Amino acid sequence: MDEHQIKFKIVHTNPNNLKFEFSNDFMIMHDRETFYLQFGQISPPQINSKEDLENMAMLGMIESQAIARLAIDKNYLPVLIRALQDNLAKYQSANNPVTQSEDESEFM
């Protein structure tokens, strides 16, 4: 370590007003320096009649409501990926394996 560098311990704080949001959709974008993650929420459509079903079929899409956006430095992304992989492995060893969607394009 450089003699002019000081190493600090990171203390994570959790404000009481920070809400948990359920996410079942995400989108990832990037530029040269930063990765952008947008998390969304897809609610099942209310289909109460044959007409509702036909209208949904004609529409051909469903809305994902954005609930959070994060910008992550390109050098930090591999750290995040490793942490997610490690946490998933620990979860799966203690619980049932997480199943992956057959159609990964729905997550792209």
N, C-alpha and C. Protein backbone atom coordinates (compact mmCIF):
# COMPACT_ATOMS: atom_id res chain seq x y z
N MET A 1 0.85 -1.18 0.00
CA MET A 1 0.00 0.00 0.00
C MET A 1 0.89 1.24 0.00
N ASP A 2 0.52 2.22 -0.78
CA ASP A 2 1.23 3.49 -0.85
C ASP A 2 1.22 4.15 0.53
N GLU A 3 2.34 4.75 0.93
CA GLU A 3 2.43 5.36 2.26
C GLU A 3 1.46 6.52 2.44
N HIS A 4 0.93 7.07 1.34
CA HIS A 4 0.00 8.19 1.42
C HIS A 4 -1.46 7.74 1.37
N GLN A 5 -1.68 6.44 1.29
CA GLN A 5 -3.05 5.93 1.25
C GLN A 5 -3.48 5.53 2.66
N ILE A 6 -4.71 5.79 2.95
CA ILE A 6 -5.30 5.38 4.23
C ILE A 6 -6.41 4.40 3.92
N LYS A 7 -6.44 3.30 4.63
CA LYS A 7 -7.48 2.29 4.43
C LYS A 7 -8.57 2.50 5.48
N PHE A 8 -9.81 2.59 5.02
CA PHE A 8 -10.94 2.80 5.91
C PHE A 8 -11.84 1.58 5.91
N LYS A 9 -12.43 1.29 7.05
CA LYS A 9 -13.46 0.26 7.14
C LYS A 9 -14.78 0.89 6.69
N ILE A 10 -15.53 0.17 5.87
CA ILE A 10 -16.82 0.67 5.41
C ILE A 10 -17.89 0.22 6.40
N VAL A 11 -18.64 1.17 6.89
CA VAL A 11 -19.77 0.89 7.79
C VAL A 11 -21.04 1.17 7.00
N HIS A 12 -21.83 0.13 6.77
CA HIS A 12 -23.07 0.29 6.01
C HIS A 12 -24.18 0.82 6.91
N THR A 13 -24.81 1.89 6.49
CA THR A 13 -25.93 2.45 7.24
C THR A 13 -27.22 2.20 6.45
N ASN A 14 -28.28 2.02 7.15
CA ASN A 14 -29.57 1.73 6.52
C ASN A 14 -30.61 2.71 7.03
N PRO A 15 -30.89 3.76 6.25
CA PRO A 15 -31.92 4.72 6.68
C PRO A 15 -33.27 4.03 6.87
N ASN A 16 -34.00 4.46 7.88
CA ASN A 16 -35.30 3.86 8.17
C ASN A 16 -36.31 4.07 7.04
N ASN A 17 -36.12 5.14 6.26
CA ASN A 17 -37.10 5.44 5.22
C ASN A 17 -36.77 4.77 3.88
N LEU A 18 -35.73 3.96 3.84
CA LEU A 18 -35.38 3.25 2.61
C LEU A 18 -36.26 2.01 2.50
N LYS A 19 -37.11 1.99 1.46
CA LYS A 19 -38.08 0.91 1.32
C LYS A 19 -37.52 -0.24 0.49
N PHE A 20 -37.96 -1.44 0.79
CA PHE A 20 -37.73 -2.59 -0.08
C PHE A 20 -38.77 -2.55 -1.19
N GLU A 21 -38.34 -2.85 -2.39
CA GLU A 21 -39.25 -2.96 -3.52
C GLU A 21 -39.05 -4.33 -4.14
N PHE A 22 -40.12 -5.00 -4.50
CA PHE A 22 -40.04 -6.29 -5.17
C PHE A 22 -39.78 -6.05 -6.65
N SER A 23 -38.79 -6.74 -7.20
CA SER A 23 -38.47 -6.61 -8.62
C SER A 23 -38.53 -7.97 -9.28
N ASN A 24 -39.20 -8.02 -10.43
CA ASN A 24 -39.23 -9.26 -11.21
C ASN A 24 -38.85 -9.00 -12.66
N ASP A 25 -38.14 -7.87 -12.87
CA ASP A 25 -37.68 -7.52 -14.21
C ASP A 25 -36.47 -6.60 -14.06
N PHE A 26 -35.56 -6.67 -15.02
CA PHE A 26 -34.43 -5.74 -15.00
C PHE A 26 -33.94 -5.51 -16.42
N MET A 27 -33.18 -4.44 -16.56
CA MET A 27 -32.58 -4.08 -17.83
C MET A 27 -31.18 -3.57 -17.53
N ILE A 28 -30.22 -3.94 -18.36
CA ILE A 28 -28.84 -3.51 -18.16
C ILE A 28 -28.36 -2.79 -19.41
N MET A 29 -27.74 -1.64 -19.20
CA MET A 29 -27.14 -0.86 -20.29
C MET A 29 -25.73 -0.47 -19.85
N HIS A 30 -24.93 0.02 -20.77
CA HIS A 30 -23.60 0.48 -20.39
C HIS A 30 -23.07 1.49 -21.40
N ASP A 31 -22.09 2.26 -20.93
CA ASP A 31 -21.29 3.08 -21.82
C ASP A 31 -19.84 2.70 -21.54
N ARG A 32 -18.89 3.51 -21.91
CA ARG A 32 -17.48 3.13 -21.76
C ARG A 32 -17.04 2.99 -20.30
N GLU A 33 -17.65 3.71 -19.39
CA GLU A 33 -17.18 3.75 -18.01
C GLU A 33 -18.15 3.18 -16.98
N THR A 34 -19.42 3.07 -17.34
CA THR A 34 -20.43 2.79 -16.33
C THR A 34 -21.45 1.78 -16.83
N PHE A 35 -21.91 0.92 -15.92
CA PHE A 35 -23.03 0.02 -16.18
C PHE A 35 -24.25 0.59 -15.48
N TYR A 36 -25.38 0.54 -16.17
CA TYR A 36 -26.63 1.07 -15.63
C TYR A 36 -27.61 -0.08 -15.48
N LEU A 37 -28.09 -0.27 -14.26
CA LEU A 37 -29.06 -1.32 -13.98
C LEU A 37 -30.39 -0.66 -13.63
N GLN A 38 -31.42 -1.09 -14.30
CA GLN A 38 -32.76 -0.60 -13.99
C GLN A 38 -33.60 -1.80 -13.58
N PHE A 39 -34.17 -1.72 -12.40
CA PHE A 39 -35.03 -2.78 -11.89
C PHE A 39 -36.48 -2.36 -12.05
N GLY A 40 -37.30 -3.32 -12.42
CA GLY A 40 -38.70 -3.02 -12.67
C GLY A 40 -39.62 -4.03 -12.03
N GLN A 41 -40.90 -3.71 -12.11
CA GLN A 41 -41.93 -4.55 -11.52
C GLN A 41 -43.01 -4.77 -12.58
N ILE A 42 -43.26 -6.02 -12.88
CA ILE A 42 -44.33 -6.38 -13.82
C ILE A 42 -45.47 -6.97 -13.01
N SER A 43 -46.62 -6.34 -13.11
CA SER A 43 -47.81 -6.86 -12.42
C SER A 43 -48.64 -7.65 -13.42
N PRO A 44 -49.18 -8.78 -13.01
CA PRO A 44 -50.02 -9.55 -13.92
C PRO A 44 -51.23 -8.72 -14.33
N PRO A 45 -51.61 -8.80 -15.59
CA PRO A 45 -52.77 -8.01 -16.04
C PRO A 45 -54.06 -8.54 -15.43
N GLN A 46 -55.00 -7.63 -15.23
CA GLN A 46 -56.34 -8.00 -14.76
C GLN A 46 -57.14 -8.45 -15.97
N ILE A 47 -57.41 -9.73 -16.04
CA ILE A 47 -58.20 -10.26 -17.14
C ILE A 47 -59.46 -10.87 -16.55
N ASN A 48 -60.56 -10.17 -16.76
CA ASN A 48 -61.83 -10.59 -16.18
C ASN A 48 -62.83 -11.11 -17.20
N SER A 49 -62.45 -10.98 -18.47
CA SER A 49 -63.39 -11.42 -19.51
C SER A 49 -62.62 -11.84 -20.75
N LYS A 50 -63.35 -12.46 -21.66
CA LYS A 50 -62.75 -12.85 -22.94
C LYS A 50 -62.28 -11.60 -23.69
N GLU A 51 -63.04 -10.51 -23.57
CA GLU A 51 -62.68 -9.25 -24.23
C GLU A 51 -61.35 -8.71 -23.68
N ASP A 52 -61.16 -8.78 -22.35
CA ASP A 52 -59.89 -8.36 -21.75
C ASP A 52 -58.73 -9.16 -22.32
N LEU A 53 -58.94 -10.47 -22.44
CA LEU A 53 -57.90 -11.35 -22.97
C LEU A 53 -57.58 -11.00 -24.42
N GLU A 54 -58.60 -10.75 -25.22
CA GLU A 54 -58.39 -10.38 -26.62
C GLU A 54 -57.66 -9.04 -26.74
N ASN A 55 -58.02 -8.08 -25.88
CA ASN A 55 -57.35 -6.78 -25.89
C ASN A 55 -55.87 -6.91 -25.52
N MET A 56 -55.57 -7.74 -24.53
CA MET A 56 -54.17 -7.97 -24.14
C MET A 56 -53.40 -8.62 -25.28
N ALA A 57 -54.02 -9.57 -25.95
CA ALA A 57 -53.36 -10.26 -27.06
C ALA A 57 -53.08 -9.28 -28.20
N MET A 58 -54.01 -8.36 -28.47
CA MET A 58 -53.80 -7.37 -29.53
C MET A 58 -52.71 -6.38 -29.15
N LEU A 59 -52.65 -6.03 -27.89
CA LEU A 59 -51.64 -5.09 -27.42
C LEU A 59 -50.25 -5.67 -27.59
N GLY A 60 -50.09 -6.95 -27.27
CA GLY A 60 -48.83 -7.64 -27.50
C GLY A 60 -47.69 -7.23 -26.60
N MET A 61 -47.96 -6.52 -25.51
CA MET A 61 -46.90 -6.12 -24.59
C MET A 61 -47.48 -5.95 -23.20
N ILE A 62 -46.57 -5.93 -22.24
CA ILE A 62 -46.96 -5.68 -20.86
C ILE A 62 -45.93 -4.70 -20.29
N GLU A 63 -46.36 -3.82 -19.43
CA GLU A 63 -45.50 -2.76 -18.92
C GLU A 63 -44.69 -3.21 -17.72
N SER A 64 -43.42 -2.81 -17.70
CA SER A 64 -42.57 -2.99 -16.53
C SER A 64 -42.35 -1.62 -15.92
N GLN A 65 -42.84 -1.42 -14.71
CA GLN A 65 -42.73 -0.13 -14.02
C GLN A 65 -41.36 -0.03 -13.36
N ALA A 66 -40.54 0.94 -13.77
CA ALA A 66 -39.22 1.13 -13.17
C ALA A 66 -39.37 1.51 -11.71
N ILE A 67 -38.59 0.83 -10.84
CA ILE A 67 -38.66 1.12 -9.40
C ILE A 67 -37.32 1.54 -8.83
N ALA A 68 -36.22 1.25 -9.55
CA ALA A 68 -34.90 1.66 -9.06
C ALA A 68 -33.91 1.67 -10.21
N ARG A 69 -32.99 2.62 -10.16
CA ARG A 69 -31.91 2.70 -11.15
C ARG A 69 -30.60 2.84 -10.41
N LEU A 70 -29.61 2.06 -10.85
CA LEU A 70 -28.27 2.12 -10.26
C LEU A 70 -27.25 2.34 -11.36
N ALA A 71 -26.24 3.14 -11.08
CA ALA A 71 -25.11 3.32 -11.98
C ALA A 71 -23.90 2.73 -11.27
N ILE A 72 -23.20 1.79 -11.93
CA ILE A 72 -22.09 1.07 -11.30
C ILE A 72 -20.84 1.25 -12.14
N ASP A 73 -19.76 1.65 -11.50
CA ASP A 73 -18.48 1.82 -12.18
C ASP A 73 -18.04 0.50 -12.81
N LYS A 74 -17.47 0.57 -14.00
CA LYS A 74 -17.06 -0.64 -14.74
C LYS A 74 -16.09 -1.51 -13.93
N ASN A 75 -15.27 -0.91 -13.09
CA ASN A 75 -14.30 -1.68 -12.30
C ASN A 75 -14.94 -2.36 -11.09
N TYR A 76 -16.10 -1.89 -10.68
CA TYR A 76 -16.80 -2.46 -9.54
C TYR A 76 -17.74 -3.59 -9.95
N LEU A 77 -18.16 -3.61 -11.21
CA LEU A 77 -19.12 -4.62 -11.66
C LEU A 77 -18.63 -6.05 -11.41
N PRO A 78 -17.37 -6.41 -11.71
CA PRO A 78 -16.92 -7.78 -11.42
C PRO A 78 -17.03 -8.15 -9.93
N VAL A 79 -16.84 -7.17 -9.05
CA VAL A 79 -16.99 -7.41 -7.61
C VAL A 79 -18.45 -7.74 -7.29
N LEU A 80 -19.36 -6.99 -7.88
CA LEU A 80 -20.79 -7.24 -7.68
C LEU A 80 -21.19 -8.61 -8.22
N ILE A 81 -20.70 -8.96 -9.40
CA ILE A 81 -21.02 -10.26 -10.00
C ILE A 81 -20.53 -11.40 -9.11
N ARG A 82 -19.30 -11.31 -8.63
CA ARG A 82 -18.76 -12.35 -7.74
C ARG A 82 -19.59 -12.46 -6.46
N ALA A 83 -19.97 -11.32 -5.89
CA ALA A 83 -20.77 -11.34 -4.66
C ALA A 83 -22.13 -11.99 -4.92
N LEU A 84 -22.75 -11.69 -6.05
CA LEU A 84 -24.03 -12.32 -6.39
C LEU A 84 -23.87 -13.83 -6.60
N GLN A 85 -22.81 -14.24 -7.30
CA GLN A 85 -22.57 -15.67 -7.53
C GLN A 85 -22.31 -16.40 -6.22
N ASP A 86 -21.49 -15.81 -5.35
CA ASP A 86 -21.20 -16.43 -4.05
C ASP A 86 -22.46 -16.55 -3.21
N ASN A 87 -23.26 -15.49 -3.18
CA ASN A 87 -24.47 -15.50 -2.38
C ASN A 87 -25.47 -16.51 -2.92
N LEU A 88 -25.59 -16.61 -4.25
CA LEU A 88 -26.49 -17.60 -4.85
C LEU A 88 -26.03 -19.02 -4.51
N ALA A 89 -24.73 -19.28 -4.58
CA ALA A 89 -24.20 -20.61 -4.24
C ALA A 89 -24.51 -20.96 -2.79
N LYS A 90 -24.34 -20.02 -1.88
CA LYS A 90 -24.64 -20.26 -0.46
C LYS A 90 -26.13 -20.53 -0.27
N TYR A 91 -26.96 -19.75 -0.95
CA TYR A 91 -28.40 -19.93 -0.86
C TYR A 91 -28.80 -21.32 -1.35
N GLN A 92 -28.25 -21.72 -2.50
CA GLN A 92 -28.62 -23.01 -3.09
C GLN A 92 -28.12 -24.18 -2.26
N SER A 93 -27.00 -24.02 -1.57
CA SER A 93 -26.52 -25.12 -0.73
C SER A 93 -27.38 -25.27 0.52
N ALA A 94 -28.02 -24.20 0.96
CA ALA A 94 -28.86 -24.26 2.15
C ALA A 94 -30.33 -24.50 1.81
N ASN A 95 -30.72 -24.25 0.58
CA ASN A 95 -32.11 -24.36 0.14
C ASN A 95 -32.15 -25.18 -1.14
N ASN A 96 -33.29 -25.17 -1.78
CA ASN A 96 -33.41 -25.84 -3.07
C ASN A 96 -32.72 -25.02 -4.15
N PRO A 97 -32.20 -25.67 -5.18
CA PRO A 97 -31.59 -24.91 -6.27
C PRO A 97 -32.59 -23.96 -6.92
N VAL A 98 -32.09 -22.83 -7.35
CA VAL A 98 -32.90 -21.85 -8.06
C VAL A 98 -33.00 -22.29 -9.50
N THR A 99 -34.21 -22.33 -10.03
CA THR A 99 -34.38 -22.75 -11.43
C THR A 99 -34.23 -21.54 -12.34
N GLN A 100 -33.64 -21.78 -13.48
CA GLN A 100 -33.41 -20.72 -14.45
C GLN A 100 -34.48 -20.80 -15.53
N SER A 101 -34.91 -19.65 -16.01
CA SER A 101 -35.92 -19.60 -17.06
C SER A 101 -35.42 -20.30 -18.31
N GLU A 102 -36.31 -20.99 -18.98
CA GLU A 102 -35.95 -21.64 -20.25
C GLU A 102 -35.62 -20.60 -21.31
N ASP A 103 -36.33 -19.48 -21.27
CA ASP A 103 -36.15 -18.43 -22.28
C ASP A 103 -35.41 -17.26 -21.64
N GLU A 104 -34.08 -17.27 -21.74
CA GLU A 104 -33.29 -16.20 -21.13
C GLU A 104 -33.53 -14.86 -21.79
N SER A 105 -34.08 -14.84 -23.00
CA SER A 105 -34.31 -13.57 -23.69
C SER A 105 -35.31 -12.70 -22.93
N GLU A 106 -36.13 -13.31 -22.08
CA GLU A 106 -37.07 -12.50 -21.33
C GLU A 106 -36.36 -11.65 -20.29
N PHE A 107 -35.08 -11.92 -20.03
CA PHE A 107 -34.31 -11.15 -19.06
C PHE A 107 -33.31 -10.22 -19.73
N MET A 108 -33.32 -10.13 -21.03
CA MET A 108 -32.33 -9.30 -21.74
C MET A 108 -32.93 -7.97 -22.10
